């Protein structure tokens, strides 16, 4: 899992699609639909796709 330092000195954790699906207990197709609908925002790093853990946790409250 890639991590990036934020301006506040905290580390932002990025999750793969597989990790997000396991965390939310959803299928890849559901994750795709959430992303397409704008409920979750994906980040690309090369050919890989990641999601911020903090945004996933915020989206849990809305979903």
PDB file of N, CA and C in Angstrom:
ATOM      1  N   UNK A   1       0.825  -1.173   0.000  1.00  0.00           N
ATOM      2  CA  UNK A   1       0.000   0.000   0.000  1.00  0.00           C
ATOM      3  C   UNK A   1       0.876   1.245   0.000  1.00  0.00           C
ATOM      4  N   UNK A   2       0.759   2.081  -0.999  1.00  0.00           N
ATOM      5  CA  UNK A   2       1.530   3.315  -1.001  1.00  0.00           C
ATOM      6  C   UNK A   2       1.022   4.270   0.072  1.00  0.00           C
ATOM      7  N   UNK A   3       1.940   5.020   0.621  1.00  0.00           N
ATOM      8  CA  UNK A   3       1.575   6.017   1.616  1.00  0.00           C
ATOM      9  C   UNK A   3       2.204   7.337   1.219  1.00  0.00           C
ATOM     10  N   UNK A   4       1.551   8.433   1.574  1.00  0.00           N
ATOM     11  CA  UNK A   4       2.049   9.753   1.218  1.00  0.00           C
ATOM     12  C   UNK A   4       1.920  10.652   2.437  1.00  0.00           C
ATOM     13  N   UNK A   5       2.949  11.461   2.666  1.00  0.00           N
ATOM     14  CA  UNK A   5       2.900  12.400   3.782  1.00  0.00           C
ATOM     15  C   UNK A   5       2.003  13.571   3.423  1.00  0.00           C
ATOM     16  N   UNK A   6       1.174  13.975   4.368  1.00  0.00           N
ATOM     17  CA  UNK A   6       0.330  15.143   4.173  1.00  0.00           C
ATOM     18  C   UNK A   6       0.983  16.338   4.833  1.00  0.00           C
ATOM     19  N   UNK A   7       0.448  17.507   4.613  1.00  0.00           N
ATOM     20  CA  UNK A   7       1.039  18.723   5.167  1.00  0.00           C
ATOM     21  C   UNK A   7       0.967  18.763   6.690  1.00  0.00           C
ATOM     22  N   UNK A   8       0.065  18.013   7.293  1.00  0.00           N
ATOM     23  CA  UNK A   8      -0.084  18.004   8.741  1.00  0.00           C
ATOM     24  C   UNK A   8       0.862  17.010   9.412  1.00  0.00           C
ATOM     25  N   UNK A   9       1.719  16.374   8.644  1.00  0.00           N
ATOM     26  CA  UNK A   9       2.662  15.426   9.206  1.00  0.00           C
ATOM     27  C   UNK A   9       2.085  14.031   9.358  1.00  0.00           C
ATOM     28  N   UNK A  10       0.830  13.849   8.953  1.00  0.00           N
ATOM     29  CA  UNK A  10       0.211  12.538   9.027  1.00  0.00           C
ATOM     30  C   UNK A  10       0.436  11.809   7.712  1.00  0.00           C
ATOM     31  N   UNK A  11       0.324  10.508   7.746  1.00  0.00           N
ATOM     32  CA  UNK A  11       0.514   9.708   6.551  1.00  0.00           C
ATOM     33  C   UNK A  11      -0.842   9.305   5.989  1.00  0.00           C
ATOM     34  N   UNK A  12      -1.038   9.550   4.691  1.00  0.00           N
ATOM     35  CA  UNK A  12      -2.273   9.170   4.008  1.00  0.00           C
ATOM     36  C   UNK A  12      -2.074   7.781   3.429  1.00  0.00           C
ATOM     37  N   UNK A  13      -2.984   6.877   3.731  1.00  0.00           N
ATOM     38  CA  UNK A  13      -2.867   5.500   3.257  1.00  0.00           C
ATOM     39  C   UNK A  13      -3.752   5.307   2.028  1.00  0.00           C
ATOM     40  N   UNK A  14      -3.200   4.661   1.008  1.00  0.00           N
ATOM     41  CA  UNK A  14      -3.924   4.365  -0.214  1.00  0.00           C
ATOM     42  C   UNK A  14      -4.209   2.871  -0.275  1.00  0.00           C
ATOM     43  N   UNK A  15      -5.411   2.523  -0.719  1.00  0.00           N
ATOM     44  CA  UNK A  15      -5.835   1.131  -0.807  1.00  0.00           C
ATOM     45  C   UNK A  15      -6.045   0.745  -2.266  1.00  0.00           C
ATOM     46  N   UNK A  16      -5.783  -0.516  -2.575  1.00  0.00           N
ATOM     47  CA  UNK A  16      -6.048  -1.029  -3.914  1.00  0.00           C
ATOM     48  C   UNK A  16      -7.540  -1.327  -4.041  1.00  0.00           C
ATOM     49  N   UNK A  17      -7.973  -1.599  -5.262  1.00  0.00           N
ATOM     50  CA  UNK A  17      -9.385  -1.958  -5.476  1.00  0.00           C
ATOM     51  C   UNK A  17      -9.745  -3.199  -4.674  1.00  0.00           C
ATOM     52  N   UNK A  18      -8.846  -4.157  -4.656  1.00  0.00           N
ATOM     53  CA  UNK A  18      -9.104  -5.398  -3.926  1.00  0.00           C
ATOM     54  C   UNK A  18      -9.286  -5.123  -2.434  1.00  0.00           C
ATOM     55  N   UNK A  19      -8.424  -4.293  -1.877  1.00  0.00           N
ATOM     56  CA  UNK A  19      -8.502  -3.967  -0.449  1.00  0.00           C
ATOM     57  C   UNK A  19      -9.790  -3.215  -0.116  1.00  0.00           C
ATOM     58  N   UNK A  20     -10.204  -2.311  -1.012  1.00  0.00           N
ATOM     59  CA  UNK A  20     -11.449  -1.568  -0.785  1.00  0.00           C
ATOM     60  C   UNK A  20     -12.639  -2.524  -0.822  1.00  0.00           C
ATOM     61  N   UNK A  21     -12.652  -3.433  -1.790  1.00  0.00           N
ATOM     62  CA  UNK A  21     -13.746  -4.400  -1.890  1.00  0.00           C
ATOM     63  C   UNK A  21     -13.815  -5.283  -0.650  1.00  0.00           C
ATOM     64  N   UNK A  22     -12.671  -5.700  -0.140  1.00  0.00           N
ATOM     65  CA  UNK A  22     -12.651  -6.512   1.071  1.00  0.00           C
ATOM     66  C   UNK A  22     -13.112  -5.702   2.279  1.00  0.00           C
ATOM     67  N   UNK A  23     -12.691  -4.457   2.359  1.00  0.00           N
ATOM     68  CA  UNK A  23     -13.050  -3.591   3.480  1.00  0.00           C
ATOM     69  C   UNK A  23     -14.554  -3.325   3.521  1.00  0.00           C
ATOM     70  N   UNK A  24     -15.144  -3.063   2.349  1.00  0.00           N
ATOM     71  CA  UNK A  24     -16.570  -2.742   2.267  1.00  0.00           C
ATOM     72  C   UNK A  24     -17.447  -3.973   2.059  1.00  0.00           C
ATOM     73  N   UNK A  25     -16.797  -5.113   1.809  1.00  0.00           N
ATOM     74  CA  UNK A  25     -17.510  -6.368   1.529  1.00  0.00           C
ATOM     75  C   UNK A  25     -18.451  -6.200   0.331  1.00  0.00           C
ATOM     76  N   UNK A  26     -17.873  -5.697  -0.766  1.00  0.00           N
ATOM     77  CA  UNK A  26     -18.618  -5.484  -2.004  1.00  0.00           C
ATOM     78  C   UNK A  26     -17.862  -6.123  -3.164  1.00  0.00           C
ATOM     79  N   UNK A  27     -18.547  -6.266  -4.294  1.00  0.00           N
ATOM     80  CA  UNK A  27     -17.940  -6.814  -5.505  1.00  0.00           C
ATOM     81  C   UNK A  27     -17.233  -5.697  -6.279  1.00  0.00           C
ATOM     82  N   UNK A  28     -16.339  -6.092  -7.190  1.00  0.00           N
ATOM     83  CA  UNK A  28     -15.634  -5.118  -8.028  1.00  0.00           C
ATOM     84  C   UNK A  28     -16.631  -4.261  -8.813  1.00  0.00           C
ATOM     85  N   UNK A  29     -17.702  -4.894  -9.293  1.00  0.00           N
ATOM     86  CA  UNK A  29     -18.687  -4.145 -10.083  1.00  0.00           C
ATOM     87  C   UNK A  29     -19.370  -3.062  -9.246  1.00  0.00           C
ATOM     88  N   UNK A  30     -19.608  -3.344  -7.973  1.00  0.00           N
ATOM     89  CA  UNK A  30     -20.207  -2.349  -7.084  1.00  0.00           C
ATOM     90  C   UNK A  30     -19.235  -1.202  -6.851  1.00  0.00           C
ATOM     91  N   UNK A  31     -17.967  -1.517  -6.660  1.00  0.00           N
ATOM     92  CA  UNK A  31     -16.946  -0.484  -6.494  1.00  0.00           C
ATOM     93  C   UNK A  31     -16.882   0.392  -7.741  1.00  0.00           C
ATOM     94  N   UNK A  32     -16.960  -0.226  -8.894  1.00  0.00           N
ATOM     95  CA  UNK A  32     -16.964   0.519 -10.156  1.00  0.00           C
ATOM     96  C   UNK A  32     -18.158   1.473 -10.207  1.00  0.00           C
ATOM     97  N   UNK A  33     -19.326   0.990  -9.826  1.00  0.00           N
ATOM     98  CA  UNK A  33     -20.532   1.823  -9.842  1.00  0.00           C
ATOM     99  C   UNK A  33     -20.430   2.979  -8.848  1.00  0.00           C
ATOM    100  N   UNK A  34     -19.888   2.728  -7.657  1.00  0.00           N
ATOM    101  CA  UNK A  34     -19.694   3.796  -6.667  1.00  0.00           C
ATOM    102  C   UNK A  34     -18.742   4.860  -7.211  1.00  0.00           C
ATOM    103  N   UNK A  35     -17.698   4.415  -7.890  1.00  0.00           N
ATOM    104  CA  UNK A  35     -16.720   5.344  -8.460  1.00  0.00           C
ATOM    105  C   UNK A  35     -17.353   6.144  -9.596  1.00  0.00           C
ATOM    106  N   UNK A  36     -18.083   5.459 -10.446  1.00  0.00           N
ATOM    107  CA  UNK A  36     -18.741   6.096 -11.582  1.00  0.00           C
ATOM    108  C   UNK A  36     -19.777   7.126 -11.117  1.00  0.00           C
ATOM    109  N   UNK A  37     -20.477   6.822 -10.022  1.00  0.00           N
ATOM    110  CA  UNK A  37     -21.505   7.723  -9.484  1.00  0.00           C
ATOM    111  C   UNK A  37     -20.904   8.885  -8.692  1.00  0.00           C
ATOM    112  N   UNK A  38     -19.593   8.835  -8.446  1.00  0.00           N
ATOM    113  CA  UNK A  38     -18.930   9.912  -7.720  1.00  0.00           C
ATOM    114  C   UNK A  38     -18.942   9.739  -6.214  1.00  0.00           C
ATOM    115  N   UNK A  39     -19.375   8.583  -5.733  1.00  0.00           N
ATOM    116  CA  UNK A  39     -19.386   8.333  -4.285  1.00  0.00           C
ATOM    117  C   UNK A  39     -17.977   8.104  -3.755  1.00  0.00           C
ATOM    118  N   UNK A  40     -17.115   7.545  -4.602  1.00  0.00           N
ATOM    119  CA  UNK A  40     -15.718   7.307  -4.249  1.00  0.00           C
ATOM    120  C   UNK A  40     -14.839   7.895  -5.345  1.00  0.00           C
ATOM    121  N   UNK A  41     -13.690   8.423  -4.960  1.00  0.00           N
ATOM    122  CA  UNK A  41     -12.761   9.006  -5.928  1.00  0.00           C
ATOM    123  C   UNK A  41     -11.525   8.128  -6.020  1.00  0.00           C
ATOM    124  N   UNK A  42     -11.158   7.775  -7.257  1.00  0.00           N
ATOM    125  CA  UNK A  42      -9.977   6.943  -7.446  1.00  0.00           C
ATOM    126  C   UNK A  42      -8.791   7.803  -7.837  1.00  0.00           C
ATOM    127  N   UNK A  43      -7.612   7.284  -7.555  1.00  0.00           N
ATOM    128  CA  UNK A  43      -6.359   7.948  -7.885  1.00  0.00           C
ATOM    129  C   UNK A  43      -5.517   6.966  -8.676  1.00  0.00           C
ATOM    130  N   UNK A  44      -4.925   7.435  -9.753  1.00  0.00           N
ATOM    131  CA  UNK A  44      -4.096   6.580 -10.575  1.00  0.00           C
ATOM    132  C   UNK A  44      -2.622   6.833 -10.333  1.00  0.00           C
ATOM    133  N   UNK A  45      -1.877   5.760 -10.300  1.00  0.00           N
ATOM    134  CA  UNK A  45      -0.429   5.835 -10.199  1.00  0.00           C
ATOM    135  C   UNK A  45       0.103   4.858 -11.233  1.00  0.00           C
ATOM    136  N   UNK A  46       0.450   5.380 -12.390  1.00  0.00           N
ATOM    137  CA  UNK A  46       0.810   4.508 -13.492  1.00  0.00           C
ATOM    138  C   UNK A  46      -0.444   3.800 -13.982  1.00  0.00           C
ATOM    139  N   UNK A  47      -0.394   2.494 -14.067  1.00  0.00           N
ATOM    140  CA  UNK A  47      -1.551   1.708 -14.496  1.00  0.00           C
ATOM    141  C   UNK A  47      -2.369   1.216 -13.313  1.00  0.00           C
ATOM    142  N   UNK A  48      -1.965   1.574 -12.120  1.00  0.00           N
ATOM    143  CA  UNK A  48      -2.648   1.092 -10.918  1.00  0.00           C
ATOM    144  C   UNK A  48      -3.665   2.115 -10.420  1.00  0.00           C
ATOM    145  N   UNK A  49      -4.688   1.607  -9.755  1.00  0.00           N
ATOM    146  CA  UNK A  49      -5.752   2.458  -9.223  1.00  0.00           C
ATOM    147  C   UNK A  49      -5.778   2.309  -7.711  1.00  0.00           C
ATOM    148  N   UNK A  50      -5.847   3.445  -7.024  1.00  0.00           N
ATOM    149  CA  UNK A  50      -5.881   3.453  -5.559  1.00  0.00           C
ATOM    150  C   UNK A  50      -7.004   4.348  -5.068  1.00  0.00           C
ATOM    151  N   UNK A  51      -7.398   4.106  -3.833  1.00  0.00           N
ATOM    152  CA  UNK A  51      -8.402   4.917  -3.152  1.00  0.00           C
ATOM    153  C   UNK A  51      -7.820   5.327  -1.808  1.00  0.00           C
ATOM    154  N   UNK A  52      -8.114   6.559  -1.366  1.00  0.00           N
ATOM    155  CA  UNK A  52      -7.635   7.012  -0.065  1.00  0.00           C
ATOM    156  C   UNK A  52      -8.488   6.388   1.033  1.00  0.00           C
ATOM    157  N   UNK A  53      -7.820   5.843   2.046  1.00  0.00           N
ATOM    158  CA  UNK A  53      -8.538   5.230   3.160  1.00  0.00           C
ATOM    159  C   UNK A  53      -9.464   6.247   3.835  1.00  0.00           C
ATOM    160  N   UNK A  54      -8.998   7.468   4.013  1.00  0.00           N
ATOM    161  CA  UNK A  54      -9.805   8.491   4.690  1.00  0.00           C
ATOM    162  C   UNK A  54     -11.095   8.777   3.918  1.00  0.00           C
ATOM    163  N   UNK A  55     -11.026   8.792   2.589  1.00  0.00           N
ATOM    164  CA  UNK A  55     -12.224   9.041   1.791  1.00  0.00           C
ATOM    165  C   UNK A  55     -13.177   7.856   1.830  1.00  0.00           C
ATOM    166  N   UNK A  56     -12.629   6.647   1.906  1.00  0.00           N
ATOM    167  CA  UNK A  56     -13.469   5.452   2.017  1.00  0.00           C
ATOM    168  C   UNK A  56     -14.234   5.499   3.333  1.00  0.00           C
ATOM    169  N   UNK A  57     -13.540   5.847   4.407  1.00  0.00           N
ATOM    170  CA  UNK A  57     -14.182   5.915   5.719  1.00  0.00           C
ATOM    171  C   UNK A  57     -15.249   7.003   5.757  1.00  0.00           C
ATOM    172  N   UNK A  58     -15.003   8.140   5.105  1.00  0.00           N
ATOM    173  CA  UNK A  58     -16.009   9.205   5.027  1.00  0.00           C
ATOM    174  C   UNK A  58     -17.217   8.744   4.218  1.00  0.00           C
ATOM    175  N   UNK A  59     -16.973   8.012   3.140  1.00  0.00           N
ATOM    176  CA  UNK A  59     -18.059   7.535   2.287  1.00  0.00           C
ATOM    177  C   UNK A  59     -18.919   6.506   3.014  1.00  0.00           C
ATOM    178  N   UNK A  60     -18.342   5.765   3.938  1.00  0.00           N
ATOM    179  CA  UNK A  60     -19.116   4.786   4.706  1.00  0.00           C
ATOM    180  C   UNK A  60     -20.249   5.469   5.460  1.00  0.00           C
ATOM    181  N   UNK A  61     -20.000   6.656   5.938  1.00  0.00           N
ATOM    182  CA  UNK A  61     -21.021   7.398   6.671  1.00  0.00           C
ATOM    183  C   UNK A  61     -22.170   7.767   5.733  1.00  0.00           C
ATOM    184  N   UNK A  62     -21.840   8.146   4.495  1.00  0.00           N
ATOM    185  CA  UNK A  62     -22.855   8.549   3.522  1.00  0.00           C
ATOM    186  C   UNK A  62     -23.611   7.367   2.947  1.00  0.00           C
ATOM    187  N   UNK A  63     -22.938   6.245   2.750  1.00  0.00           N
ATOM    188  CA  UNK A  63     -23.556   5.061   2.139  1.00  0.00           C
ATOM    189  C   UNK A  63     -24.333   4.355   3.177  1.00  0.00           C
TER     190      UNK A  63
END
